[in-house]
Amino acid sequence: MVMTRSRTEAGVSSRTPVDQSGYQDERWRRIKVHQNEDVWIQQMKKVLKGDVSDLPRNQVKKIAKVSDQFVLDSREVLYRLSTPTPERPRNKQSELRLVVPETLRTDILHYSHEDFQGGHQGINRTFERLRSEFYWIGMYADVQKFLPESDRGNTYLLLFQDQFSGYVMCKPMRNTEA
């Protein structure tokens, strides 16, 4: 008898479904590992836990000045507590922003700039987008270095519409030339 995909028994399947909670756990584990490799984040975590015996005294003082702006969650992942200011009132509530270690910054910059749901927004919009969810020292300077500065990016859209179905496709273009 020939075994086809339609005849394969449920227990014999070579693919196992991805467990969503397992995926999230692995994602948070990786973030925690990367945070623990970053020296500044590691020191901040030690100050927040009160385990400063192996840190230099001047470093403890320096970190303690800003430590009230940071929080460790139950997974021991570090967040910055962002409070609203008169210039940026938002919804008048404090927000938690993930502290990004040096090793993950390039990936986050790449994905936020290249995102298919509104990427290539320029320096200021990319920064604001990152700033709403993440925190690291020198974020704006990193965004400026990462994004290519051009006076003219893709400023035009070429639209295609299927006359039968009405389906529309858009292609970003640098100019109106063919």
C-alpha atoms as a PDB file:
ATOM      1  CA  MET A   1       0.000   0.000   0.000  1.00  0.00           C
ATOM      2  CA  VAL A   2       1.266   3.472  -0.899  1.00  0.00           C
ATOM      3  CA  MET A   3       1.291   6.075   1.872  1.00  0.00           C
ATOM      4  CA  THR A   4       0.228   9.463   0.596  1.00  0.00           C
ATOM      5  CA  ARG A   5      -0.176  12.632   2.586  1.00  0.00           C
ATOM      6  CA  SER A   6      -3.900  12.118   2.726  1.00  0.00           C
ATOM      7  CA  ARG A   7      -3.474   8.599   4.108  1.00  0.00           C
ATOM      8  CA  THR A   8      -0.828   9.463   6.651  1.00  0.00           C
ATOM      9  CA  GLU A   9      -1.996   8.746  10.134  1.00  0.00           C
ATOM     10  CA  ALA A  10      -2.090  11.586  12.622  1.00  0.00           C
ATOM     11  CA  GLY A  11       0.552   9.965  14.849  1.00  0.00           C
ATOM     12  CA  VAL A  12       3.017   9.417  11.998  1.00  0.00           C
ATOM     13  CA  SER A  13       3.180  13.021  10.864  1.00  0.00           C
ATOM     14  CA  SER A  14       6.733  14.368  10.754  1.00  0.00           C
ATOM     15  CA  ARG A  15       5.614  17.879  11.593  1.00  0.00           C
ATOM     16  CA  THR A  16       4.707  18.876  15.090  1.00  0.00           C
ATOM     17  CA  PRO A  17       2.627  21.989  15.622  1.00  0.00           C
ATOM     18  CA  VAL A  18       4.442  24.950  17.128  1.00  0.00           C
ATOM     19  CA  ASP A  19       3.341  25.622  20.669  1.00  0.00           C
ATOM     20  CA  GLN A  20       2.736  29.371  20.937  1.00  0.00           C
ATOM     21  CA  SER A  21       3.626  29.567  24.626  1.00  0.00           C
ATOM     22  CA  GLY A  22       6.850  27.629  24.007  1.00  0.00           C
ATOM     23  CA  TYR A  23       7.767  30.054  21.251  1.00  0.00           C
ATOM     24  CA  GLN A  24       7.174  33.055  23.521  1.00  0.00           C
ATOM     25  CA  ASP A  25       9.154  31.437  26.345  1.00  0.00           C
ATOM     26  CA  GLU A  26      12.088  30.883  24.001  1.00  0.00           C
ATOM     27  CA  ARG A  27      11.892  34.463  22.748  1.00  0.00           C
ATOM     28  CA  TRP A  28      12.002  35.859  26.303  1.00  0.00           C
ATOM     29  CA  ARG A  29      14.815  33.474  27.216  1.00  0.00           C
ATOM     30  CA  ARG A  30      16.903  34.805  24.322  1.00  0.00           C
ATOM     31  CA  ILE A  31      16.207  38.414  25.258  1.00  0.00           C
ATOM     32  CA  LYS A  32      17.252  37.664  28.832  1.00  0.00           C
ATOM     33  CA  VAL A  33      20.470  35.957  27.652  1.00  0.00           C
ATOM     34  CA  HIS A  34      21.361  38.945  25.460  1.00  0.00           C
ATOM     35  CA  GLN A  35      20.584  41.359  28.299  1.00  0.00           C
ATOM     36  CA  ASN A  36      22.819  39.363  30.659  1.00  0.00           C
ATOM     37  CA  GLU A  37      25.707  39.643  28.180  1.00  0.00           C
ATOM     38  CA  ASP A  38      25.486  43.454  28.104  1.00  0.00           C
ATOM     39  CA  VAL A  39      27.693  44.921  30.848  1.00  0.00           C
ATOM     40  CA  TRP A  40      25.597  48.030  31.597  1.00  0.00           C
ATOM     41  CA  ILE A  41      22.328  46.071  31.725  1.00  0.00           C
ATOM     42  CA  GLN A  42      23.974  43.440  33.909  1.00  0.00           C
ATOM     43  CA  GLN A  43      25.108  46.142  36.346  1.00  0.00           C
ATOM     44  CA  MET A  44      21.653  47.759  36.388  1.00  0.00           C
ATOM     45  CA  LYS A  45      20.050  44.400  37.186  1.00  0.00           C
ATOM     46  CA  LYS A  46      22.486  43.893  40.067  1.00  0.00           C
ATOM     47  CA  VAL A  47      21.683  47.326  41.499  1.00  0.00           C
ATOM     48  CA  LEU A  48      17.940  46.665  41.239  1.00  0.00           C
ATOM     49  CA  LYS A  49      18.356  43.321  43.018  1.00  0.00           C
ATOM     50  CA  GLY A  50      20.593  44.891  45.681  1.00  0.00           C
ATOM     51  CA  ASP A  51      23.542  42.634  44.801  1.00  0.00           C
ATOM     52  CA  VAL A  52      26.257  45.286  44.440  1.00  0.00           C
ATOM     53  CA  SER A  53      29.078  43.596  46.350  1.00  0.00           C
ATOM     54  CA  ASP A  54      31.235  43.029  43.249  1.00  0.00           C
ATOM     55  CA  LEU A  55      30.597  46.425  41.588  1.00  0.00           C
ATOM     56  CA  PRO A  56      32.862  49.477  42.039  1.00  0.00           C
ATOM     57  CA  ARG A  57      31.400  52.039  44.427  1.00  0.00           C
ATOM     58  CA  ASN A  58      31.450  54.904  41.904  1.00  0.00           C
ATOM     59  CA  GLN A  59      29.627  52.725  39.354  1.00  0.00           C
ATOM     60  CA  VAL A  60      26.947  51.852  41.928  1.00  0.00           C
ATOM     61  CA  LYS A  61      26.402  55.569  42.659  1.00  0.00           C
ATOM     62  CA  LYS A  62      26.168  56.364  38.960  1.00  0.00           C
ATOM     63  CA  ILE A  63      23.630  53.606  38.269  1.00  0.00           C
ATOM     64  CA  ALA A  64      21.657  54.228  41.473  1.00  0.00           C
ATOM     65  CA  LYS A  65      20.880  57.786  40.301  1.00  0.00           C
ATOM     66  CA  VAL A  66      18.784  56.440  37.417  1.00  0.00           C
ATOM     67  CA  SER A  67      17.759  53.057  38.822  1.00  0.00           C
ATOM     68  CA  ASP A  68      14.309  54.313  39.845  1.00  0.00           C
ATOM     69  CA  GLN A  69      13.482  54.548  36.113  1.00  0.00           C
ATOM     70  CA  PHE A  70      14.062  50.817  35.570  1.00  0.00           C
ATOM     71  CA  VAL A  71      12.080  47.703  36.493  1.00  0.00           C
ATOM     72  CA  LEU A  72      12.751  43.961  36.424  1.00  0.00           C
ATOM     73  CA  ASP A  73       9.808  41.729  35.573  1.00  0.00           C
ATOM     74  CA  SER A  74       9.177  38.188  36.826  1.00  0.00           C
ATOM     75  CA  ARG A  75      11.350  36.754  34.008  1.00  0.00           C
ATOM     76  CA  GLU A  76      14.196  39.098  35.082  1.00  0.00           C
ATOM     77  CA  VAL A  77      13.942  41.091  31.862  1.00  0.00           C
ATOM     78  CA  LEU A  78      14.852  44.764  32.265  1.00  0.00           C
ATOM     79  CA  TYR A  79      12.418  47.526  31.277  1.00  0.00           C
ATOM     80  CA  ARG A  80      12.602  51.298  31.492  1.00  0.00           C
ATOM     81  CA  LEU A  81       9.645  53.022  33.080  1.00  0.00           C
ATOM     82  CA  SER A  82       8.726  55.900  30.793  1.00  0.00           C
ATOM     83  CA  THR A  83       6.745  58.634  32.488  1.00  0.00           C
ATOM     84  CA  PRO A  84       4.685  61.205  30.575  1.00  0.00           C
ATOM     85  CA  THR A  85       6.005  64.749  30.305  1.00  0.00           C
ATOM     86  CA  PRO A  86       4.153  67.978  29.455  1.00  0.00           C
ATOM     87  CA  GLU A  87       5.620  67.807  25.919  1.00  0.00           C
ATOM     88  CA  ARG A  88       4.582  64.145  25.519  1.00  0.00           C
ATOM     89  CA  PRO A  89       1.493  63.579  27.659  1.00  0.00           C
ATOM     90  CA  ARG A  90       0.428  60.381  25.804  1.00  0.00           C
ATOM     91  CA  ASN A  91      -2.346  58.896  27.923  1.00  0.00           C
ATOM     92  CA  LYS A  92      -0.972  60.202  31.237  1.00  0.00           C
ATOM     93  CA  GLN A  93       0.192  56.713  32.238  1.00  0.00           C
ATOM     94  CA  SER A  94       3.678  55.331  32.659  1.00  0.00           C
ATOM     95  CA  GLU A  95       4.763  52.827  30.032  1.00  0.00           C
ATOM     96  CA  LEU A  96       7.285  50.005  30.171  1.00  0.00           C
ATOM     97  CA  ARG A  97       9.837  49.923  27.373  1.00  0.00           C
ATOM     98  CA  LEU A  98      12.126  46.971  26.804  1.00  0.00           C
ATOM     99  CA  VAL A  99      15.800  47.791  27.393  1.00  0.00           C
ATOM    100  CA  VAL A 100      17.592  46.561  24.270  1.00  0.00           C
ATOM    101  CA  PRO A 101      21.106  45.141  24.627  1.00  0.00           C
ATOM    102  CA  GLU A 102      23.824  46.165  22.161  1.00  0.00           C
ATOM    103  CA  THR A 103      23.725  42.797  20.373  1.00  0.00           C
ATOM    104  CA  LEU A 104      20.055  43.158  19.360  1.00  0.00           C
ATOM    105  CA  ARG A 105      20.015  46.815  18.318  1.00  0.00           C
ATOM    106  CA  THR A 106      20.951  46.293  14.668  1.00  0.00           C
ATOM    107  CA  ASP A 107      18.212  43.689  14.227  1.00  0.00           C
ATOM    108  CA  ILE A 108      15.600  45.947  15.796  1.00  0.00           C
ATOM    109  CA  LEU A 109      16.716  48.919  13.693  1.00  0.00           C
ATOM    110  CA  HIS A 110      16.558  46.799  10.546  1.00  0.00           C
ATOM    111  CA  TYR A 111      13.096  45.388  11.215  1.00  0.00           C
ATOM    112  CA  SER A 112      11.596  48.708  12.266  1.00  0.00           C
ATOM    113  CA  HIS A 113      12.923  50.469   9.158  1.00  0.00           C
ATOM    114  CA  GLU A 114      12.173  47.669   6.668  1.00  0.00           C
ATOM    115  CA  ASP A 115       8.752  46.744   8.073  1.00  0.00           C
ATOM    116  CA  PHE A 116       6.177  46.029   5.367  1.00  0.00           C
ATOM    117  CA  GLN A 117       3.493  47.800   7.412  1.00  0.00           C
ATOM    118  CA  GLY A 118       5.065  51.209   7.054  1.00  0.00           C
ATOM    119  CA  GLY A 119       8.813  50.985   6.811  1.00  0.00           C
ATOM    120  CA  HIS A 120      11.173  53.533   5.266  1.00  0.00           C
ATOM    121  CA  GLN A 121       9.642  56.357   7.283  1.00  0.00           C
ATOM    122  CA  GLY A 122      12.823  58.372   7.736  1.00  0.00           C
ATOM    123  CA  ILE A 123      14.869  59.115  10.825  1.00  0.00           C
ATOM    124  CA  ASN A 124      12.308  60.902  13.013  1.00  0.00           C
ATOM    125  CA  ARG A 125       9.399  58.543  12.414  1.00  0.00           C
ATOM    126  CA  THR A 126      11.590  55.461  12.810  1.00  0.00           C
ATOM    127  CA  PHE A 127      12.940  56.878  16.066  1.00  0.00           C
ATOM    128  CA  GLU A 128       9.449  57.640  17.390  1.00  0.00           C
ATOM    129  CA  ARG A 129       8.306  54.170  16.442  1.00  0.00           C
ATOM    130  CA  LEU A 130      11.239  52.561  18.256  1.00  0.00           C
ATOM    131  CA  ARG A 131      10.933  54.898  21.209  1.00  0.00           C
ATOM    132  CA  SER A 132       7.349  53.820  21.858  1.00  0.00           C
ATOM    133  CA  GLU A 133       8.423  50.231  22.593  1.00  0.00           C
ATOM    134  CA  PHE A 134      12.164  50.125  23.265  1.00  0.00           C
ATOM    135  CA  TYR A 135      14.897  51.960  25.142  1.00  0.00           C
ATOM    136  CA  TRP A 136      18.651  52.175  24.881  1.00  0.00           C
ATOM    137  CA  ILE A 137      21.163  54.923  25.483  1.00  0.00           C
ATOM    138  CA  GLY A 138      21.965  56.776  22.255  1.00  0.00           C
ATOM    139  CA  MET A 139      18.963  55.474  20.323  1.00  0.00           C
ATOM    140  CA  TYR A 140      18.540  58.579  18.144  1.00  0.00           C
ATOM    141  CA  ALA A 141      22.226  58.588  17.172  1.00  0.00           C
ATOM    142  CA  ASP A 142      22.001  54.890  16.265  1.00  0.00           C
ATOM    143  CA  VAL A 143      18.925  55.528  14.109  1.00  0.00           C
ATOM    144  CA  GLN A 144      20.774  58.365  12.346  1.00  0.00           C
ATOM    145  CA  LYS A 145      23.796  56.135  11.677  1.00  0.00           C
ATOM    146  CA  PHE A 146      21.722  53.164  10.549  1.00  0.00           C
ATOM    147  CA  LEU A 147      19.362  54.888   8.124  1.00  0.00           C
ATOM    148  CA  PRO A 148      20.741  56.133   4.845  1.00  0.00           C
ATOM    149  CA  GLU A 149      20.121  59.839   4.562  1.00  0.00           C
ATOM    150  CA  SER A 150      18.756  60.695   1.167  1.00  0.00           C
ATOM    151  CA  ASP A 151      17.014  63.824   0.063  1.00  0.00           C
ATOM    152  CA  ARG A 152      14.707  61.741  -2.131  1.00  0.00           C
ATOM    153  CA  GLY A 153      13.647  58.255  -1.231  1.00  0.00           C
ATOM    154  CA  ASN A 154      10.661  56.424  -2.640  1.00  0.00           C
ATOM    155  CA  THR A 155       8.300  59.379  -2.877  1.00  0.00           C
ATOM    156  CA  TYR A 156       5.936  58.093  -5.573  1.00  0.00           C
ATOM    157  CA  LEU A 157       3.565  55.139  -5.793  1.00  0.00           C
ATOM    158  CA  LEU A 158       2.914  53.207  -8.983  1.00  0.00           C
ATOM    159  CA  LEU A 159      -0.577  51.723  -8.762  1.00  0.00           C
ATOM    160  CA  PHE A 160      -1.827  48.675 -10.645  1.00  0.00           C
ATOM    161  CA  GLN A 161      -5.492  47.722 -10.634  1.00  0.00           C
ATOM    162  CA  ASP A 162      -6.995  44.530 -11.989  1.00  0.00           C
ATOM    163  CA  GLN A 163     -10.072  45.622 -13.965  1.00  0.00           C
ATOM    164  CA  PHE A 164     -11.878  42.348 -13.338  1.00  0.00           C
ATOM    165  CA  SER A 165     -11.457  41.929  -9.591  1.00  0.00           C
ATOM    166  CA  GLY A 166     -10.570  45.465  -8.558  1.00  0.00           C
ATOM    167  CA  TYR A 167      -7.406  44.173  -6.814  1.00  0.00           C
ATOM    168  CA  VAL A 168      -4.889  46.995  -6.333  1.00  0.00           C
ATOM    169  CA  MET A 169      -1.109  46.650  -6.048  1.00  0.00           C
ATOM    170  CA  CYS A 170       1.231  49.481  -5.080  1.00  0.00           C
ATOM    171  CA  LYS A 171       4.932  49.737  -5.874  1.00  0.00           C
ATOM    172  CA  PRO A 172       7.068  52.479  -4.306  1.00  0.00           C
ATOM    173  CA  MET A 173       9.129  54.431  -6.864  1.00  0.00           C
ATOM    174  CA  ARG A 174      11.953  56.953  -6.585  1.00  0.00           C
ATOM    175  CA  ASN A 175      10.704  59.011  -9.542  1.00  0.00           C
ATOM    176  CA  THR A 176       8.043  59.089 -12.248  1.00  0.00           C
ATOM    177  CA  GLU A 177      10.342  57.718 -14.971  1.00  0.00           C
ATOM    178  CA  ALA A 178       9.724  54.215 -16.303  1.00  0.00           C
END
